[in-house]
């Protein structure tokens, strides 16, 4: 009875094994990288990387319209519909629809969090900073654009013309959208600084009420 000859590995089969390992590792890296890239565009990424300073902001984003909650500073908010972060989430938008940080910026901010080089709570960005971060020349383009509110100032004024005090009529000069609309705290109807009888939307504050909230 003949004996079976032992198999002999050829040089080519020896070379294939490292190539397979490299291919598997490369595939894992690509998949992990793609997953990380998708994650870095989600609100949870900011909260996970910069946990403590972002907690209050994430809570305003996850609040429910019509329900009480707290703002980014911990002040009580009777109705979350006054916070633009809540309203935009309900419309299916994410943090990065308004904030457009680069991955490098996020990594830098994560490093600052690790060493404790940050303010808590995080300071409120001005309209100028928000506009500059998106590389815009016209501040109106931050909100009035094709992807968000696709209308002109004149069309916006006409849309709220049924109000006794139209907040979009520039009778006292052109106001910035962020003068009234707040993302992570209750919005404020600045008209009430002079017109106490002006109708205040649900969840919003009057001018005097805003002066009483605790801002860190």
Protein backbone atom coordinates (compact mmCIF):
# COMPACT_ATOMS: atom_id res chain seq x y z
CA UNK A 1 0.00 0.00 0.00
CA UNK A 2 1.45 3.30 -1.06
CA UNK A 3 2.05 6.04 1.45
CA UNK A 4 0.57 9.51 0.92
CA UNK A 5 3.25 12.03 0.32
CA UNK A 6 3.17 14.99 2.79
CA UNK A 7 2.01 18.27 1.26
CA UNK A 8 4.73 20.75 0.60
CA UNK A 9 4.04 24.46 0.84
CA UNK A 10 5.27 26.31 -2.18
CA UNK A 11 6.88 29.76 -1.96
CA UNK A 12 3.77 31.29 -3.53
CA UNK A 13 1.48 29.91 -0.81
CA UNK A 14 3.81 31.32 1.85
CA UNK A 15 3.54 34.77 0.27
CA UNK A 16 -0.26 34.66 0.11
CA UNK A 17 -0.76 34.36 3.87
CA UNK A 18 0.78 37.79 4.74
CA UNK A 19 -1.15 39.38 1.87
CA UNK A 20 -4.43 37.98 3.21
CA UNK A 21 -3.63 39.30 6.68
CA UNK A 22 -2.80 42.74 5.27
CA UNK A 23 -6.04 42.75 3.25
CA UNK A 24 -8.12 41.82 6.30
CA UNK A 25 -6.46 44.48 8.45
CA UNK A 26 -6.94 47.08 5.70
CA UNK A 27 -10.63 46.16 5.40
CA UNK A 28 -11.11 46.47 9.17
CA UNK A 29 -9.38 49.87 9.18
CA UNK A 30 -11.53 51.11 6.28
CA UNK A 31 -14.76 49.91 7.92
CA UNK A 32 -13.76 51.36 11.30
CA UNK A 33 -12.74 54.62 9.68
CA UNK A 34 -16.03 54.88 7.81
CA UNK A 35 -17.94 54.18 11.01
CA UNK A 36 -15.94 56.80 12.89
CA UNK A 37 -16.56 59.34 10.13
CA UNK A 38 -20.32 58.77 10.33
CA UNK A 39 -20.19 58.95 14.14
CA UNK A 40 -18.25 62.22 14.15
CA UNK A 41 -21.20 63.85 12.39
CA UNK A 42 -23.66 62.79 15.09
CA UNK A 43 -24.61 64.82 18.20
CA UNK A 44 -23.48 61.95 20.43
CA UNK A 45 -19.89 62.35 19.21
CA UNK A 46 -19.60 65.82 20.69
CA UNK A 47 -21.07 64.62 23.96
CA UNK A 48 -18.83 61.55 24.11
CA UNK A 49 -15.58 63.35 23.29
CA UNK A 50 -16.31 66.53 25.28
CA UNK A 51 -18.61 64.84 27.81
CA UNK A 52 -18.93 67.35 30.62
CA UNK A 53 -19.11 70.68 28.75
CA UNK A 54 -21.55 69.33 26.15
CA UNK A 55 -24.09 67.68 28.48
CA UNK A 56 -26.32 70.75 28.78
CA UNK A 57 -26.25 71.38 25.06
CA UNK A 58 -27.16 67.80 24.18
CA UNK A 59 -30.07 67.90 26.62
CA UNK A 60 -31.57 70.92 24.84
CA UNK A 61 -31.21 69.08 21.53
CA UNK A 62 -32.91 65.93 22.83
CA UNK A 63 -35.77 67.76 24.60
CA UNK A 64 -39.34 67.28 23.40
CA UNK A 65 -41.49 70.09 22.00
CA UNK A 66 -44.25 71.05 24.41
CA UNK A 67 -42.44 69.46 27.35
CA UNK A 68 -40.61 71.22 30.21
CA UNK A 69 -36.83 70.91 30.34
CA UNK A 70 -33.77 72.94 31.28
CA UNK A 71 -31.57 75.14 29.16
CA UNK A 72 -27.81 74.77 28.69
CA UNK A 73 -27.22 76.66 31.95
CA UNK A 74 -29.66 74.57 33.97
CA UNK A 75 -32.48 77.14 34.05
CA UNK A 76 -36.00 75.73 33.91
CA UNK A 77 -37.75 76.03 30.54
CA UNK A 78 -41.53 75.61 30.59
CA UNK A 79 -41.80 74.56 26.94
CA UNK A 80 -38.85 73.29 24.92
CA UNK A 81 -40.39 74.61 21.69
CA UNK A 82 -38.73 77.94 22.46
CA UNK A 83 -35.28 76.43 21.84
CA UNK A 84 -34.19 76.17 18.23
CA UNK A 85 -32.04 73.10 18.89
CA UNK A 86 -35.17 71.21 19.97
CA UNK A 87 -37.22 72.47 17.03
CA UNK A 88 -34.54 71.62 14.47
CA UNK A 89 -34.10 68.09 15.87
CA UNK A 90 -37.86 67.56 15.57
CA UNK A 91 -37.52 68.54 11.90
CA UNK A 92 -34.87 65.85 11.40
CA UNK A 93 -31.82 68.07 11.50
CA UNK A 94 -28.61 67.47 13.45
CA UNK A 95 -26.16 69.73 15.27
CA UNK A 96 -23.93 69.88 12.19
CA UNK A 97 -26.68 71.44 10.10
CA UNK A 98 -25.88 74.64 12.00
CA UNK A 99 -22.39 73.96 13.36
CA UNK A 100 -19.81 73.00 10.75
CA UNK A 101 -16.61 72.05 12.55
CA UNK A 102 -13.83 70.19 10.77
CA UNK A 103 -12.62 66.84 12.06
CA UNK A 104 -9.34 68.53 12.98
CA UNK A 105 -11.21 71.09 15.07
CA UNK A 106 -13.12 68.35 16.86
CA UNK A 107 -9.91 66.48 17.63
CA UNK A 108 -8.37 69.69 18.94
CA UNK A 109 -11.39 70.32 21.15
CA UNK A 110 -11.22 66.73 22.39
CA UNK A 111 -7.58 67.25 23.36
CA UNK A 112 -8.51 70.44 25.23
CA UNK A 113 -11.16 68.49 27.10
CA UNK A 114 -8.64 65.83 28.15
CA UNK A 115 -6.31 68.42 29.70
CA UNK A 116 -9.17 70.50 31.13
CA UNK A 117 -8.54 73.52 28.90
CA UNK A 118 -12.17 74.63 28.49
CA UNK A 119 -14.89 76.74 30.10
CA UNK A 120 -17.89 75.11 31.75
CA UNK A 121 -20.55 75.58 30.64
CA UNK A 122 -19.25 76.42 27.19
CA UNK A 123 -19.75 80.04 26.26
CA UNK A 124 -22.50 81.06 23.84
CA UNK A 125 -21.27 81.68 20.33
CA UNK A 126 -22.14 85.05 18.85
CA UNK A 127 -23.81 85.39 15.46
CA UNK A 128 -20.49 86.69 14.09
CA UNK A 129 -18.70 83.52 15.24
CA UNK A 130 -21.37 81.25 13.80
CA UNK A 131 -21.27 83.06 10.46
CA UNK A 132 -17.47 83.03 10.35
CA UNK A 133 -17.36 79.28 11.10
CA UNK A 134 -19.41 78.62 7.97
CA UNK A 135 -17.33 80.97 5.83
CA UNK A 136 -20.27 83.27 5.04
CA UNK A 137 -20.10 86.93 4.09
CA UNK A 138 -23.77 87.76 4.66
CA UNK A 139 -25.07 86.96 8.19
CA UNK A 140 -28.56 86.38 6.78
CA UNK A 141 -27.26 83.35 4.87
CA UNK A 142 -26.81 81.45 8.12
CA UNK A 143 -30.60 81.00 8.39
CA UNK A 144 -32.01 82.35 5.13
CA UNK A 145 -30.60 79.90 2.61
CA UNK A 146 -31.82 77.16 0.27
CA UNK A 147 -31.17 74.40 2.79
CA UNK A 148 -32.91 76.06 5.75
CA UNK A 149 -35.33 78.97 5.38
CA UNK A 150 -35.38 79.63 1.65
CA UNK A 151 -36.70 83.18 1.65
CA UNK A 152 -35.66 86.80 1.64
CA UNK A 153 -36.00 89.28 4.49
CA UNK A 154 -39.02 90.76 2.72
CA UNK A 155 -40.70 87.35 2.37
CA UNK A 156 -40.02 86.61 6.03
CA UNK A 157 -41.62 89.91 7.04
CA UNK A 158 -44.69 89.11 4.93
CA UNK A 159 -44.98 85.66 6.52
CA UNK A 160 -45.51 87.17 9.99
CA UNK A 161 -47.48 90.22 8.85
CA UNK A 162 -50.63 89.01 10.63
CA UNK A 163 -49.06 89.76 14.03
CA UNK A 164 -49.95 93.01 15.73
CA UNK A 165 -46.25 93.57 16.35
CA UNK A 166 -44.45 92.05 13.40
CA UNK A 167 -41.05 90.99 14.78
CA UNK A 168 -39.53 90.95 11.28
CA UNK A 169 -40.41 94.53 10.38
CA UNK A 170 -37.21 96.57 10.72
CA UNK A 171 -38.84 99.70 12.15
CA UNK A 172 -35.99 99.97 14.65
CA UNK A 173 -33.25 98.86 12.30
CA UNK A 174 -32.37 95.41 10.98
CA UNK A 175 -31.96 92.86 13.79
CA UNK A 176 -29.92 89.67 13.69
CA UNK A 177 -31.90 86.41 13.77
CA UNK A 178 -30.00 85.40 16.92
CA UNK A 179 -31.19 88.49 18.77
CA UNK A 180 -34.47 86.65 19.35
CA UNK A 181 -33.95 83.04 18.25
CA UNK A 182 -31.82 81.05 20.71
CA UNK A 183 -30.68 77.49 20.08
CA UNK A 184 -29.83 76.12 23.51
CA UNK A 185 -31.91 78.36 25.73
CA UNK A 186 -35.38 79.86 25.53
CA UNK A 187 -35.79 82.36 22.71
CA UNK A 188 -36.72 85.92 23.65
CA UNK A 189 -39.19 88.31 22.03
CA UNK A 190 -37.13 91.48 22.14
CA UNK A 191 -40.16 93.54 21.04
CA UNK A 192 -41.39 93.24 24.65
CA UNK A 193 -38.59 95.52 25.79
CA UNK A 194 -40.96 98.34 24.80
CA UNK A 195 -44.21 96.59 23.88
CA UNK A 196 -45.39 94.61 26.91
CA UNK A 197 -48.58 93.66 25.09
CA UNK A 198 -46.77 91.90 22.21
CA UNK A 199 -47.75 88.24 21.78
CA UNK A 200 -45.03 85.93 23.10
CA UNK A 201 -44.77 82.51 21.36
CA UNK A 202 -45.01 79.32 23.43
CA UNK A 203 -41.78 78.58 25.25
CA UNK A 204 -40.34 82.04 24.64
CA UNK A 205 -39.38 84.67 27.20
CA UNK A 206 -40.15 88.34 27.41
CA UNK A 207 -37.24 90.76 27.45
CA UNK A 208 -37.53 91.24 31.21
CA UNK A 209 -37.73 87.49 31.86
CA UNK A 210 -34.53 86.96 29.91
CA UNK A 211 -32.73 89.44 32.16
CA UNK A 212 -33.55 87.24 35.17
CA UNK A 213 -32.17 83.93 33.88
CA UNK A 214 -28.86 82.68 35.21
CA UNK A 215 -26.15 82.88 32.55
CA UNK A 216 -22.72 81.59 33.45
